Amino acid sequence: MNDTIPLGRREFEKALNDLLRAYQSTEEGQASYHSDDSVRCHHCMFTTGSTDCSFCTYCRDCQNCTYCTQCNECEHCHQSSYCVRSKRCASSSYLILSQDCTDCVFCFGCVGLVKKEFHILNQKFPRDRYFKLVKELKAALQIP
């Protein structure tokens, strides 16, 4: 083990870039359990086909997600569950085709919402109407 740390700016940046390249070239994750076909996923369980995720459980085909559960085809989602094809969402559940939503529940095709529920294309619907419309939309858009 080398105890010397490069203190010059160029030497330090080169050493850091070398570390980044070495990390990005490996496909192994750490401390994951039954995470098949995943790349650089750490502390994930039963996560498949995902890349650069951490602390996710039962996620599939996700990228750069953390602390997510039962999410499919999501990107950059955090502390969320049961989301499908959503991006940059946080602390949310049951989102489908949504982006940049935070603290939302049951939203379909929504963008930029905060603390909303039962919305489709950023419009609020009564609970029963929401589920009926979502069923029709999922069939039309071939979303399982």
Protein backbone atom coordinates (compact mmCIF):
# COMPACT_ATOMS: atom_id res chain seq x y z
CA MET A 1 0.00 0.00 0.00
CA ASN A 2 1.31 3.41 -0.96
CA ASP A 3 1.02 5.98 1.83
CA THR A 4 1.93 8.96 -0.32
CA ILE A 5 -0.78 11.28 -1.54
CA PRO A 6 -0.01 13.62 -4.44
CA LEU A 7 -0.36 17.14 -3.10
CA GLY A 8 0.07 19.02 -6.33
CA ARG A 9 -3.07 19.92 -8.26
CA ARG A 10 -2.16 18.12 -11.49
CA GLU A 11 -0.85 15.02 -9.75
CA PHE A 12 -3.91 14.82 -7.50
CA GLU A 13 -6.36 15.28 -10.40
CA LYS A 14 -4.52 12.63 -12.41
CA ALA A 15 -4.67 10.17 -9.50
CA LEU A 16 -8.37 10.90 -9.03
CA ASN A 17 -9.10 10.44 -12.75
CA ASP A 18 -7.16 7.15 -12.70
CA LEU A 19 -9.36 5.96 -9.82
CA LEU A 20 -12.53 7.00 -11.67
CA ARG A 21 -11.48 5.17 -14.84
CA ALA A 22 -10.64 2.03 -12.87
CA TYR A 23 -13.99 2.18 -11.05
CA GLN A 24 -16.00 2.75 -14.23
CA SER A 25 -14.25 -0.08 -16.05
CA THR A 26 -15.35 -2.68 -13.51
CA GLU A 27 -18.81 -4.18 -13.58
CA GLU A 28 -18.76 -5.61 -10.08
CA GLY A 29 -20.98 -4.33 -7.34
CA GLN A 30 -20.42 -4.67 -3.64
CA ALA A 31 -22.53 -6.35 -1.00
CA SER A 32 -25.42 -7.06 -3.37
CA TYR A 33 -27.57 -10.18 -3.10
CA HIS A 34 -29.10 -11.88 -6.15
CA SER A 35 -28.59 -8.83 -8.35
CA ASP A 36 -28.27 -10.47 -11.75
CA ASP A 37 -27.06 -8.71 -14.90
CA SER A 38 -26.43 -5.55 -12.93
CA VAL A 39 -23.40 -3.29 -13.26
CA ARG A 40 -21.84 -1.41 -10.34
CA CYS A 41 -24.89 -1.86 -8.13
CA HIS A 42 -24.04 -1.69 -4.44
CA HIS A 43 -26.04 -3.10 -1.52
CA CYS A 44 -28.94 -4.07 -3.81
CA MET A 45 -31.14 -7.14 -3.41
CA PHE A 46 -33.00 -8.97 -6.17
CA THR A 47 -32.23 -6.18 -8.62
CA THR A 48 -31.75 -7.16 -12.27
CA GLY A 49 -30.45 -5.46 -15.39
CA SER A 50 -29.61 -2.26 -13.52
CA THR A 51 -26.59 0.06 -13.57
CA ASP A 52 -25.03 2.24 -10.87
CA CYS A 53 -27.80 1.71 -8.30
CA SER A 54 -27.39 1.60 -4.53
CA PHE A 55 -29.58 0.15 -1.79
CA CYS A 56 -32.36 -0.87 -4.21
CA THR A 57 -34.61 -3.89 -3.78
CA TYR A 58 -36.55 -5.75 -6.48
CA CYS A 59 -35.76 -3.13 -9.13
CA ARG A 60 -35.42 -3.96 -12.82
CA ASP A 61 -33.60 -2.12 -15.62
CA CYS A 62 -32.95 0.99 -13.52
CA GLN A 63 -30.05 3.43 -13.74
CA ASN A 64 -28.51 5.61 -11.06
CA CYS A 65 -31.27 4.97 -8.52
CA THR A 66 -30.87 4.86 -4.75
CA TYR A 67 -33.07 3.40 -2.01
CA CYS A 68 -35.79 2.36 -4.46
CA THR A 69 -38.11 -0.65 -4.18
CA GLN A 70 -40.03 -2.40 -6.96
CA CYS A 71 -39.12 0.19 -9.60
CA ASN A 72 -38.84 -0.70 -13.30
CA GLU A 73 -36.99 1.16 -16.03
CA CYS A 74 -36.38 4.25 -13.89
CA GLU A 75 -33.47 6.69 -14.02
CA HIS A 76 -32.10 8.87 -11.25
CA CYS A 77 -34.98 8.10 -8.88
CA HIS A 78 -34.41 8.17 -5.14
CA GLN A 79 -36.28 6.81 -2.13
CA SER A 80 -39.20 5.77 -4.32
CA SER A 81 -41.26 2.63 -4.78
CA TYR A 82 -43.42 1.02 -7.44
CA CYS A 83 -42.39 3.50 -10.13
CA VAL A 84 -42.29 2.65 -13.84
CA ARG A 85 -40.35 4.44 -16.59
CA SER A 86 -39.89 7.52 -14.45
CA LYS A 87 -36.94 9.90 -14.22
CA ARG A 88 -35.50 12.14 -11.52
CA CYS A 89 -38.29 11.46 -9.04
CA ALA A 90 -37.80 11.37 -5.27
CA SER A 91 -39.71 10.17 -2.23
CA SER A 92 -42.62 9.06 -4.42
CA SER A 93 -44.69 5.95 -5.04
CA TYR A 94 -46.74 4.50 -7.89
CA LEU A 95 -45.51 6.87 -10.58
CA ILE A 96 -45.69 5.91 -14.25
CA LEU A 97 -43.96 7.83 -17.05
CA SER A 98 -43.35 10.76 -14.72
CA GLN A 99 -40.39 13.11 -14.38
CA ASP A 100 -39.05 15.45 -11.73
CA CYS A 101 -41.80 14.65 -9.21
CA THR A 102 -41.21 14.78 -5.46
CA ASP A 103 -43.36 13.40 -2.63
CA CYS A 104 -46.03 12.28 -5.10
CA VAL A 105 -48.29 9.22 -5.06
CA PHE A 106 -50.29 7.74 -7.96
CA CYS A 107 -49.25 10.00 -10.81
CA PHE A 108 -49.22 9.04 -14.50
CA GLY A 109 -47.36 11.07 -17.11
CA CYS A 110 -46.71 13.95 -14.76
CA VAL A 111 -43.86 16.45 -14.76
CA GLY A 112 -42.53 18.63 -11.96
CA LEU A 113 -45.20 17.94 -9.35
CA VAL A 114 -44.61 18.20 -5.60
CA LYS A 115 -46.83 16.56 -2.96
CA LYS A 116 -49.60 15.60 -5.40
CA GLU A 117 -51.68 12.46 -5.77
CA PHE A 118 -54.03 10.96 -8.35
CA HIS A 119 -52.79 13.10 -11.23
CA ILE A 120 -52.61 12.32 -14.95
CA LEU A 121 -50.71 14.75 -17.17
CA ASN A 122 -50.61 17.10 -14.16
CA GLN A 123 -54.41 17.13 -13.81
CA LYS A 124 -56.08 15.94 -10.60
CA PHE A 125 -58.69 13.17 -10.77
CA PRO A 126 -60.92 11.54 -8.18
CA ARG A 127 -59.40 8.28 -6.95
CA ASP A 128 -61.85 5.93 -8.69
CA ARG A 129 -61.65 7.82 -11.98
CA TYR A 130 -57.85 7.86 -11.77
CA PHE A 131 -57.59 4.07 -11.55
CA LYS A 132 -60.04 3.57 -14.41
CA LEU A 133 -58.11 5.95 -16.67
CA VAL A 134 -54.75 4.42 -15.70
CA LYS A 135 -56.02 0.97 -16.63
CA GLU A 136 -57.03 2.25 -20.07
CA LEU A 137 -53.76 4.18 -20.54
CA LYS A 138 -51.61 1.21 -19.56
CA ALA A 139 -53.38 -0.96 -22.10
CA ALA A 140 -53.07 1.67 -24.82
CA LEU A 141 -49.39 2.29 -24.07
CA GLN A 142 -48.65 -1.41 -23.52
CA ILE A 143 -47.36 -0.93 -20.00
CA PRO A 144 -47.63 -4.06 -17.84
